[in-house]
Amino acid sequence: QVQLVESGGGLVQAGDSLRLSCAASGRTFSAHGMGWFRQGPGKEREFVASIDRSNGLTYYADSVKGRFTISRDNAKNTVYLQMNSLKPEDTAVYYCAADTVRPWGSTQVRDYDYWGQGTQVTVSS
């Protein structure tokens, strides 16, 4: 069982930065691939970024590449999403997720078996 709690969301202006954090419970955090996803109003949940268990491989959606950075601290059981140069189209609820089967950081929603409750990010123009 893995519990995930996101924090760090908020209301910002276009061009600002935010850092999301996701704290995980359990002693097996370092074995899991981790991902960030988002769901905008009236949209399906979509992949944002993922990271493998050892902090070596990362993957990004084209829409955030060059602006967002995913990282993890296995000693703190925490995964981060640094978001720079935010745009209004980044407005969404952001979810942290854990894949307890695949350690490489899948880009697919269906591969993740534990999810946080989400944190709202709103970017005004």
N, C-alpha and C. Protein backbone atom coordinates (compact mmCIF):
# COMPACT_ATOMS: atom_id res chain seq x y z
N GLN A 1 0.84 -1.19 0.00
CA GLN A 1 0.00 0.00 0.00
C GLN A 1 0.88 1.24 0.00
N VAL A 2 0.58 2.17 -0.88
CA VAL A 2 1.32 3.41 -0.98
C VAL A 2 0.34 4.57 -0.87
N GLN A 3 0.63 5.50 0.00
CA GLN A 3 -0.18 6.71 0.09
C GLN A 3 0.63 7.90 -0.40
N LEU A 4 -0.01 8.73 -1.21
CA LEU A 4 0.66 9.86 -1.83
C LEU A 4 -0.07 11.15 -1.48
N VAL A 5 0.67 12.16 -1.08
CA VAL A 5 0.08 13.44 -0.73
C VAL A 5 0.82 14.55 -1.46
N GLU A 6 0.09 15.24 -2.35
CA GLU A 6 0.68 16.34 -3.10
C GLU A 6 0.54 17.65 -2.35
N SER A 7 1.43 18.58 -2.63
CA SER A 7 1.35 19.93 -2.09
C SER A 7 2.07 20.88 -3.04
N GLY A 8 1.83 22.18 -2.85
CA GLY A 8 2.56 23.19 -3.60
C GLY A 8 1.78 23.88 -4.70
N GLY A 9 0.55 23.45 -4.93
CA GLY A 9 -0.25 24.12 -5.95
C GLY A 9 -0.66 25.51 -5.52
N GLY A 10 -1.26 26.25 -6.46
CA GLY A 10 -1.73 27.58 -6.14
C GLY A 10 -2.11 28.37 -7.36
N LEU A 11 -2.36 29.66 -7.15
CA LEU A 11 -2.73 30.59 -8.22
C LEU A 11 -1.52 31.47 -8.52
N VAL A 12 -1.08 31.45 -9.76
CA VAL A 12 0.07 32.24 -10.18
C VAL A 12 -0.25 32.93 -11.50
N GLN A 13 0.64 33.84 -11.87
CA GLN A 13 0.50 34.51 -13.15
C GLN A 13 1.36 33.82 -14.21
N ALA A 14 1.00 34.03 -15.45
CA ALA A 14 1.77 33.48 -16.56
C ALA A 14 3.23 33.93 -16.43
N GLY A 15 4.14 32.97 -16.64
CA GLY A 15 5.56 33.25 -16.53
C GLY A 15 6.15 32.93 -15.16
N ASP A 16 5.30 32.73 -14.18
CA ASP A 16 5.76 32.40 -12.83
C ASP A 16 6.19 30.94 -12.73
N SER A 17 6.71 30.61 -11.56
CA SER A 17 7.15 29.24 -11.29
C SER A 17 6.43 28.68 -10.05
N LEU A 18 6.31 27.37 -10.01
CA LEU A 18 5.81 26.65 -8.85
C LEU A 18 6.58 25.35 -8.73
N ARG A 19 6.70 24.86 -7.49
CA ARG A 19 7.26 23.53 -7.29
C ARG A 19 6.24 22.69 -6.53
N LEU A 20 5.85 21.61 -7.16
CA LEU A 20 4.96 20.65 -6.53
C LEU A 20 5.79 19.57 -5.83
N SER A 21 5.27 19.12 -4.70
CA SER A 21 5.90 18.03 -3.98
C SER A 21 4.89 16.91 -3.79
N CYS A 22 5.39 15.69 -3.71
CA CYS A 22 4.54 14.54 -3.46
C CYS A 22 5.26 13.64 -2.45
N ALA A 23 4.68 13.59 -1.26
CA ALA A 23 5.25 12.77 -0.20
C ALA A 23 4.60 11.40 -0.21
N ALA A 24 5.42 10.35 -0.18
CA ALA A 24 4.93 8.98 -0.25
C ALA A 24 5.17 8.24 1.05
N SER A 25 4.23 7.39 1.40
CA SER A 25 4.40 6.54 2.57
C SER A 25 5.02 5.22 2.11
N GLY A 26 5.49 4.44 3.07
CA GLY A 26 5.97 3.11 2.75
C GLY A 26 7.47 3.04 2.56
N ARG A 27 8.02 1.85 2.75
CA ARG A 27 9.46 1.66 2.68
C ARG A 27 9.94 1.26 1.30
N THR A 28 9.01 1.12 0.34
CA THR A 28 9.41 0.66 -0.99
C THR A 28 9.40 1.77 -2.02
N PHE A 29 9.35 3.02 -1.58
CA PHE A 29 9.27 4.14 -2.52
C PHE A 29 10.38 4.09 -3.55
N SER A 30 11.58 3.77 -3.14
CA SER A 30 12.72 3.81 -4.06
C SER A 30 12.65 2.73 -5.14
N ALA A 31 11.71 1.81 -5.04
CA ALA A 31 11.57 0.76 -6.05
C ALA A 31 10.56 1.12 -7.13
N HIS A 32 9.84 2.21 -6.95
CA HIS A 32 8.72 2.54 -7.84
C HIS A 32 9.08 3.58 -8.88
N GLY A 33 8.57 3.39 -10.09
CA GLY A 33 8.54 4.49 -11.02
C GLY A 33 7.49 5.48 -10.55
N MET A 34 7.75 6.77 -10.74
CA MET A 34 6.83 7.81 -10.29
C MET A 34 6.47 8.73 -11.44
N GLY A 35 5.26 9.24 -11.40
CA GLY A 35 4.82 10.13 -12.47
C GLY A 35 3.97 11.28 -11.96
N TRP A 36 3.93 12.32 -12.75
CA TRP A 36 3.01 13.44 -12.56
C TRP A 36 2.07 13.49 -13.77
N PHE A 37 0.80 13.65 -13.47
CA PHE A 37 -0.23 13.77 -14.48
C PHE A 37 -1.08 15.00 -14.16
N ARG A 38 -1.88 15.43 -15.11
CA ARG A 38 -2.77 16.56 -14.85
C ARG A 38 -4.09 16.38 -15.59
N GLN A 39 -5.09 17.04 -15.04
CA GLN A 39 -6.41 16.97 -15.66
C GLN A 39 -7.03 18.36 -15.62
N GLY A 40 -7.15 18.94 -16.81
CA GLY A 40 -7.76 20.25 -16.93
C GLY A 40 -9.27 20.15 -17.00
N PRO A 41 -9.98 21.28 -16.88
CA PRO A 41 -11.44 21.28 -16.92
C PRO A 41 -11.97 20.67 -18.21
N GLY A 42 -12.81 19.66 -18.09
CA GLY A 42 -13.41 19.04 -19.25
C GLY A 42 -12.46 18.19 -20.08
N LYS A 43 -11.29 17.89 -19.53
CA LYS A 43 -10.30 17.12 -20.29
C LYS A 43 -10.00 15.80 -19.59
N GLU A 44 -9.41 14.89 -20.33
CA GLU A 44 -8.96 13.63 -19.76
C GLU A 44 -7.63 13.85 -19.03
N ARG A 45 -7.35 12.96 -18.10
CA ARG A 45 -6.07 13.02 -17.40
C ARG A 45 -4.95 12.73 -18.39
N GLU A 46 -3.90 13.54 -18.32
CA GLU A 46 -2.81 13.39 -19.28
C GLU A 46 -1.46 13.33 -18.57
N PHE A 47 -0.54 12.68 -19.24
CA PHE A 47 0.83 12.53 -18.74
C PHE A 47 1.55 13.87 -18.78
N VAL A 48 2.32 14.15 -17.72
CA VAL A 48 3.16 15.34 -17.67
C VAL A 48 4.64 14.96 -17.64
N ALA A 49 5.02 14.15 -16.67
CA ALA A 49 6.43 13.77 -16.52
C ALA A 49 6.52 12.51 -15.68
N SER A 50 7.61 11.77 -15.87
CA SER A 50 7.84 10.58 -15.06
C SER A 50 9.33 10.41 -14.83
N ILE A 51 9.65 9.58 -13.83
CA ILE A 51 11.03 9.37 -13.46
C ILE A 51 11.21 7.94 -13.00
N ASP A 52 12.36 7.37 -13.31
CA ASP A 52 12.62 5.99 -12.90
C ASP A 52 13.01 5.95 -11.43
N ARG A 53 13.14 4.76 -10.89
CA ARG A 53 13.32 4.60 -9.46
C ARG A 53 14.63 5.16 -8.95
N SER A 54 15.65 5.23 -9.81
CA SER A 54 16.98 5.65 -9.34
C SER A 54 17.31 7.09 -9.67
N ASN A 55 16.34 7.85 -10.17
CA ASN A 55 16.55 9.27 -10.47
C ASN A 55 17.45 9.47 -11.68
N GLY A 56 17.54 8.43 -12.55
CA GLY A 56 18.42 8.56 -13.70
C GLY A 56 17.73 8.88 -15.00
N LEU A 57 16.51 8.38 -15.19
CA LEU A 57 15.79 8.55 -16.44
C LEU A 57 14.52 9.35 -16.20
N THR A 58 14.32 10.33 -17.05
CA THR A 58 13.10 11.14 -16.96
C THR A 58 12.43 11.24 -18.32
N TYR A 59 11.13 11.45 -18.30
CA TYR A 59 10.35 11.56 -19.53
C TYR A 59 9.39 12.73 -19.35
N TYR A 60 9.13 13.44 -20.45
CA TYR A 60 8.26 14.61 -20.39
C TYR A 60 7.30 14.64 -21.57
N ALA A 61 6.12 15.18 -21.31
CA ALA A 61 5.21 15.49 -22.39
C ALA A 61 5.82 16.62 -23.22
N ASP A 62 5.55 16.62 -24.50
CA ASP A 62 6.10 17.67 -25.37
C ASP A 62 5.68 19.05 -24.91
N SER A 63 4.48 19.16 -24.35
CA SER A 63 3.94 20.46 -23.97
C SER A 63 4.68 21.10 -22.79
N VAL A 64 5.43 20.30 -22.03
CA VAL A 64 6.12 20.84 -20.86
C VAL A 64 7.64 20.72 -20.97
N LYS A 65 8.11 20.07 -22.00
CA LYS A 65 9.55 19.85 -22.15
C LYS A 65 10.29 21.18 -22.20
N GLY A 66 11.35 21.27 -21.41
CA GLY A 66 12.12 22.51 -21.34
C GLY A 66 11.63 23.49 -20.30
N ARG A 67 10.43 23.26 -19.77
CA ARG A 67 9.87 24.16 -18.74
C ARG A 67 9.72 23.46 -17.39
N PHE A 68 9.40 22.17 -17.41
CA PHE A 68 9.17 21.41 -16.19
C PHE A 68 10.33 20.44 -15.95
N THR A 69 10.62 20.20 -14.68
CA THR A 69 11.65 19.24 -14.31
C THR A 69 11.13 18.35 -13.19
N ILE A 70 11.20 17.04 -13.40
CA ILE A 70 10.83 16.08 -12.36
C ILE A 70 12.09 15.57 -11.69
N SER A 71 12.00 15.39 -10.38
CA SER A 71 13.12 14.83 -9.63
C SER A 71 12.57 14.09 -8.42
N ARG A 72 13.43 13.35 -7.77
CA ARG A 72 12.99 12.62 -6.58
C ARG A 72 14.12 12.55 -5.57
N ASP A 73 13.73 12.45 -4.32
CA ASP A 73 14.68 12.26 -3.22
C ASP A 73 14.23 11.01 -2.50
N ASN A 74 14.89 9.90 -2.76
CA ASN A 74 14.47 8.61 -2.18
C ASN A 74 14.67 8.59 -0.67
N ALA A 75 15.60 9.37 -0.17
CA ALA A 75 15.82 9.41 1.28
C ALA A 75 14.64 10.09 1.99
N LYS A 76 13.94 10.96 1.27
CA LYS A 76 12.80 11.68 1.84
C LYS A 76 11.46 11.14 1.34
N ASN A 77 11.51 10.09 0.52
CA ASN A 77 10.27 9.52 -0.05
C ASN A 77 9.43 10.60 -0.73
N THR A 78 10.09 11.43 -1.51
CA THR A 78 9.40 12.56 -2.11
C THR A 78 9.78 12.71 -3.58
N VAL A 79 8.81 13.04 -4.39
CA VAL A 79 9.05 13.36 -5.80
C VAL A 79 8.57 14.80 -6.02
N TYR A 80 9.29 15.51 -6.88
CA TYR A 80 9.03 16.92 -7.11
C TYR A 80 8.72 17.20 -8.58
N LEU A 81 8.02 18.28 -8.81
CA LEU A 81 7.82 18.78 -10.17
C LEU A 81 8.05 20.28 -10.14
N GLN A 82 9.19 20.70 -10.66
CA GLN A 82 9.50 22.12 -10.78
C GLN A 82 8.91 22.63 -12.08
N MET A 83 8.05 23.63 -11.98
CA MET A 83 7.35 24.16 -13.14
C MET A 83 7.74 25.62 -13.33
N ASN A 84 8.39 25.89 -14.45
CA ASN A 84 8.82 27.25 -14.78
C ASN A 84 8.07 27.75 -16.01
N SER A 85 8.09 29.06 -16.20
CA SER A 85 7.44 29.67 -17.38
C SER A 85 6.03 29.16 -17.57
N LEU A 86 5.26 29.19 -16.50
CA LEU A 86 3.92 28.64 -16.56
C LEU A 86 3.02 29.41 -17.51
N LYS A 87 2.13 28.68 -18.14
CA LYS A 87 1.20 29.23 -19.12
C LYS A 87 -0.24 28.97 -18.65
N PRO A 88 -1.19 29.77 -19.10
CA PRO A 88 -2.59 29.51 -18.73
C PRO A 88 -3.05 28.10 -19.08
N GLU A 89 -2.52 27.54 -20.15
CA GLU A 89 -2.92 26.18 -20.54
C GLU A 89 -2.35 25.11 -19.61
N ASP A 90 -1.50 25.49 -18.68
CA ASP A 90 -1.02 24.55 -17.66
C ASP A 90 -2.01 24.42 -16.51
N THR A 91 -3.06 25.23 -16.51
CA THR A 91 -4.06 25.16 -15.46
C THR A 91 -4.72 23.78 -15.42
N ALA A 92 -4.67 23.15 -14.25
CA ALA A 92 -5.20 21.79 -14.11
C ALA A 92 -5.05 21.36 -12.65
N VAL A 93 -5.67 20.24 -12.35
CA VAL A 93 -5.36 19.54 -11.11
C VAL A 93 -4.19 18.59 -11.43
N TYR A 94 -3.16 18.67 -10.64
CA TYR A 94 -1.96 17.86 -10.85
C TYR A 94 -1.94 16.71 -9.86
N TYR A 95 -1.70 15.51 -10.39
CA TYR A 95 -1.70 14.30 -9.60
C TYR A 95 -0.33 13.64 -9.64
N CYS A 96 0.07 13.15 -8.49
CA CYS A 96 1.26 12.32 -8.36
C CYS A 96 0.80 10.86 -8.39
N ALA A 97 1.59 9.98 -8.98
CA ALA A 97 1.22 8.58 -9.06
C ALA A 97 2.43 7.68 -8.94
N ALA A 98 2.19 6.48 -8.42
CA ALA A 98 3.24 5.48 -8.25
C ALA A 98 2.91 4.23 -9.06
N ASP A 99 3.91 3.72 -9.74
CA ASP A 99 3.80 2.47 -10.49
C ASP A 99 4.63 1.43 -9.75
N THR A 100 3.96 0.53 -9.05
CA THR A 100 4.68 -0.45 -8.23
C THR A 100 5.15 -1.66 -9.03
N VAL A 101 4.84 -1.68 -10.33
CA VAL A 101 5.23 -2.82 -11.16
C VAL A 101 6.43 -2.48 -12.03
N ARG A 102 6.41 -1.33 -12.66
CA ARG A 102 7.45 -0.92 -13.61
C ARG A 102 8.33 0.16 -12.98
N PRO A 103 9.64 -0.07 -12.85
CA PRO A 103 10.51 0.90 -12.17
C PRO A 103 11.01 2.02 -13.07
N TRP A 104 10.69 2.00 -14.37
CA TRP A 104 11.34 2.94 -15.27
C TRP A 104 10.59 4.24 -15.48
N GLY A 105 9.39 4.37 -14.93
CA GLY A 105 8.64 5.62 -15.09
C GLY A 105 7.80 5.63 -16.35
N SER A 106 6.71 4.89 -16.34
CA SER A 106 5.83 4.79 -17.50
C SER A 106 5.17 6.14 -17.80
N THR A 107 4.79 6.32 -19.06
CA THR A 107 4.07 7.53 -19.47
C THR A 107 2.57 7.30 -19.57
N GLN A 108 2.13 6.10 -19.23
CA GLN A 108 0.73 5.72 -19.42
C GLN A 108 -0.06 5.78 -18.11
N VAL A 109 -1.20 6.45 -18.15
CA VAL A 109 -2.06 6.54 -16.97
C VAL A 109 -2.41 5.15 -16.44
N ARG A 110 -2.69 4.23 -17.33
CA ARG A 110 -3.18 2.90 -16.94
C ARG A 110 -2.13 2.09 -16.17
N ASP A 111 -0.87 2.46 -16.24
CA ASP A 111 0.19 1.69 -15.59
C ASP A 111 0.36 2.05 -14.11
N TYR A 112 -0.26 3.11 -13.67
CA TYR A 112 -0.06 3.57 -12.30
C TYR A 112 -1.18 3.06 -11.40
N ASP A 113 -0.79 2.50 -10.26
CA ASP A 113 -1.78 1.88 -9.40
C ASP A 113 -2.06 2.65 -8.11
N TYR A 114 -1.27 3.67 -7.81
CA TYR A 114 -1.57 4.50 -6.64
C TYR A 114 -1.51 5.96 -7.06
N TRP A 115 -2.49 6.72 -6.56
CA TRP A 115 -2.65 8.12 -6.93
C TRP A 115 -2.84 9.00 -5.70
N GLY A 116 -2.35 10.22 -5.77
CA GLY A 116 -2.63 11.19 -4.75
C GLY A 116 -3.98 11.84 -4.99
N GLN A 117 -4.34 12.76 -4.11
CA GLN A 117 -5.65 13.40 -4.20
C GLN A 117 -5.65 14.59 -5.16
N GLY A 118 -4.48 15.01 -5.57
CA GLY A 118 -4.38 16.11 -6.53
C GLY A 118 -4.20 17.46 -5.87
N THR A 119 -3.54 18.36 -6.59
CA THR A 119 -3.36 19.74 -6.14
C THR A 119 -3.65 20.67 -7.30
N GLN A 120 -4.41 21.72 -7.05
CA GLN A 120 -4.85 22.62 -8.11
C GLN A 120 -3.75 23.61 -8.46
N VAL A 121 -3.50 23.76 -9.74
CA VAL A 121 -2.60 24.79 -10.26
C VAL A 121 -3.41 25.66 -11.21
N THR A 122 -3.46 26.94 -10.95
CA THR A 122 -4.19 27.87 -11.79
C THR A 122 -3.24 28.97 -12.24
N VAL A 123 -3.15 29.15 -13.55
CA VAL A 123 -2.25 30.15 -14.12
C VAL A 123 -3.10 31.21 -14.82
N SER A 124 -3.02 32.43 -14.36
CA SER A 124 -3.78 33.51 -14.96
C SER A 124 -2.95 34.23 -16.01
N SER A 125 -3.62 34.76 -17.00
CA SER A 125 -2.91 35.44 -18.10
C SER A 125 -2.70 36.91 -17.79
